[in-house]
């Protein structure tokens, strides 16, 4: 359902960007420095979407939809980013 919603929006991830030199070049929510892998990791730790939005007030609910769909489509890269950051 979430994937269909995102695809119906046109561009699959209109609010996800990756810019060299910004957030380590990781895919992030546009307008922010918040990498998708960070949001996914909080979700893995049991944070609800409401808690994520409370702690990151610059995010919108639609940003989380985009993040989850992007992460689902880029599981390997997101998992690798989480593992690399846990090792440091």
C-alpha atoms as a PDB file:
ATOM      1  CA  UNK A   1       0.000   0.000   0.000  1.00  0.00           C
ATOM      2  CA  UNK A   2       2.725   2.463   0.963  1.00  0.00           C
ATOM      3  CA  UNK A   3       4.708   1.644  -2.174  1.00  0.00           C
ATOM      4  CA  UNK A   4       1.639   2.159  -4.336  1.00  0.00           C
ATOM      5  CA  UNK A   5       0.979   5.514  -2.704  1.00  0.00           C
ATOM      6  CA  UNK A   6       4.530   6.634  -3.404  1.00  0.00           C
ATOM      7  CA  UNK A   7       4.378   5.464  -7.011  1.00  0.00           C
ATOM      8  CA  UNK A   8       1.086   7.275  -7.475  1.00  0.00           C
ATOM      9  CA  UNK A   9       2.838  10.483  -6.467  1.00  0.00           C
ATOM     10  CA  UNK A  10       4.802  10.451  -9.737  1.00  0.00           C
ATOM     11  CA  UNK A  11       8.516  10.425  -9.025  1.00  0.00           C
ATOM     12  CA  UNK A  12       9.076   7.434  -6.766  1.00  0.00           C
ATOM     13  CA  UNK A  13      11.063   9.452  -4.194  1.00  0.00           C
ATOM     14  CA  UNK A  14      10.556  13.166  -4.816  1.00  0.00           C
ATOM     15  CA  UNK A  15      11.656  14.126  -1.316  1.00  0.00           C
ATOM     16  CA  UNK A  16      14.803  11.997  -1.165  1.00  0.00           C
ATOM     17  CA  UNK A  17      18.149  13.427  -2.288  1.00  0.00           C
ATOM     18  CA  UNK A  18      21.782  12.411  -2.125  1.00  0.00           C
ATOM     19  CA  UNK A  19      24.326  15.198  -2.422  1.00  0.00           C
ATOM     20  CA  UNK A  20      28.082  14.679  -2.150  1.00  0.00           C
ATOM     21  CA  UNK A  21      29.334  16.423   0.973  1.00  0.00           C
ATOM     22  CA  UNK A  22      25.896  16.596   2.620  1.00  0.00           C
ATOM     23  CA  UNK A  23      25.165  13.974   5.296  1.00  0.00           C
ATOM     24  CA  UNK A  24      28.094  11.951   4.021  1.00  0.00           C
ATOM     25  CA  UNK A  25      26.482  11.672   0.604  1.00  0.00           C
ATOM     26  CA  UNK A  26      23.786   9.374   2.037  1.00  0.00           C
ATOM     27  CA  UNK A  27      20.225   9.466   0.755  1.00  0.00           C
ATOM     28  CA  UNK A  28      18.428  11.973   2.941  1.00  0.00           C
ATOM     29  CA  UNK A  29      15.165  13.797   3.291  1.00  0.00           C
ATOM     30  CA  UNK A  30      15.242  16.864   1.043  1.00  0.00           C
ATOM     31  CA  UNK A  31      15.381  20.167   2.960  1.00  0.00           C
ATOM     32  CA  UNK A  32      17.178  18.409   5.822  1.00  0.00           C
ATOM     33  CA  UNK A  33      20.427  16.733   6.767  1.00  0.00           C
ATOM     34  CA  UNK A  34      18.554  13.640   8.020  1.00  0.00           C
ATOM     35  CA  UNK A  35      19.693  10.456   6.249  1.00  0.00           C
ATOM     36  CA  UNK A  36      17.084   7.823   5.467  1.00  0.00           C
ATOM     37  CA  UNK A  37      19.185   5.195   7.247  1.00  0.00           C
ATOM     38  CA  UNK A  38      18.891   7.162  10.515  1.00  0.00           C
ATOM     39  CA  UNK A  39      15.100   7.100  10.311  1.00  0.00           C
ATOM     40  CA  UNK A  40      15.092   3.405   9.432  1.00  0.00           C
ATOM     41  CA  UNK A  41      17.361   2.677  12.372  1.00  0.00           C
ATOM     42  CA  UNK A  42      15.035   4.484  14.789  1.00  0.00           C
ATOM     43  CA  UNK A  43      12.171   2.475  13.355  1.00  0.00           C
ATOM     44  CA  UNK A  44      14.151  -0.726  13.941  1.00  0.00           C
ATOM     45  CA  UNK A  45      14.676   0.398  17.542  1.00  0.00           C
ATOM     46  CA  UNK A  46      10.910   0.534  17.981  1.00  0.00           C
ATOM     47  CA  UNK A  47      10.206   4.223  17.520  1.00  0.00           C
ATOM     48  CA  UNK A  48       6.724   5.000  16.251  1.00  0.00           C
ATOM     49  CA  UNK A  49       6.233   7.442  13.424  1.00  0.00           C
ATOM     50  CA  UNK A  50       4.734   9.861  15.951  1.00  0.00           C
ATOM     51  CA  UNK A  51       7.894   9.683  18.045  1.00  0.00           C
ATOM     52  CA  UNK A  52      10.097  10.247  15.000  1.00  0.00           C
ATOM     53  CA  UNK A  53       8.030  13.290  14.020  1.00  0.00           C
ATOM     54  CA  UNK A  54       8.172  14.643  17.588  1.00  0.00           C
ATOM     55  CA  UNK A  55      11.960  14.337  17.653  1.00  0.00           C
ATOM     56  CA  UNK A  56      12.504  15.665  14.135  1.00  0.00           C
ATOM     57  CA  UNK A  57      10.019  18.564  13.866  1.00  0.00           C
ATOM     58  CA  UNK A  58      11.341  19.539  10.442  1.00  0.00           C
ATOM     59  CA  UNK A  59       9.924  16.288   9.043  1.00  0.00           C
ATOM     60  CA  UNK A  60       6.422  15.794   7.674  1.00  0.00           C
ATOM     61  CA  UNK A  61       4.430  12.571   7.642  1.00  0.00           C
ATOM     62  CA  UNK A  62       4.893  12.413   3.863  1.00  0.00           C
ATOM     63  CA  UNK A  63       8.660  12.462   4.364  1.00  0.00           C
ATOM     64  CA  UNK A  64       8.398   9.265   6.375  1.00  0.00           C
ATOM     65  CA  UNK A  65       6.323   7.605   3.661  1.00  0.00           C
ATOM     66  CA  UNK A  66       9.043   8.499   1.170  1.00  0.00           C
ATOM     67  CA  UNK A  67      11.772   7.265   3.533  1.00  0.00           C
ATOM     68  CA  UNK A  68      10.101   3.887   4.119  1.00  0.00           C
ATOM     69  CA  UNK A  69       9.480   3.280   0.422  1.00  0.00           C
ATOM     70  CA  UNK A  70      13.014   4.339  -0.483  1.00  0.00           C
ATOM     71  CA  UNK A  71      14.473   2.103   2.239  1.00  0.00           C
ATOM     72  CA  UNK A  72      12.413  -0.862   1.067  1.00  0.00           C
ATOM     73  CA  UNK A  73      13.773  -0.405  -2.443  1.00  0.00           C
ATOM     74  CA  UNK A  74      17.358   0.077  -1.234  1.00  0.00           C
ATOM     75  CA  UNK A  75      17.548  -2.457   1.607  1.00  0.00           C
ATOM     76  CA  UNK A  76      21.167  -3.412   1.020  1.00  0.00           C
ATOM     77  CA  UNK A  77      22.470   0.161   0.972  1.00  0.00           C
ATOM     78  CA  UNK A  78      20.437   1.148   4.036  1.00  0.00           C
ATOM     79  CA  UNK A  79      21.557  -1.941   5.947  1.00  0.00           C
ATOM     80  CA  UNK A  80      25.167  -1.243   5.038  1.00  0.00           C
ATOM     81  CA  UNK A  81      24.914   2.369   6.218  1.00  0.00           C
ATOM     82  CA  UNK A  82      23.406   1.290   9.530  1.00  0.00           C
ATOM     83  CA  UNK A  83      26.108  -1.372  10.033  1.00  0.00           C
ATOM     84  CA  UNK A  84      28.908   1.072   9.194  1.00  0.00           C
ATOM     85  CA  UNK A  85      27.605   3.641  11.642  1.00  0.00           C
ATOM     86  CA  UNK A  86      27.103   1.077  14.406  1.00  0.00           C
ATOM     87  CA  UNK A  87      30.738   0.020  14.004  1.00  0.00           C
ATOM     88  CA  UNK A  88      32.019   3.552  14.678  1.00  0.00           C
END
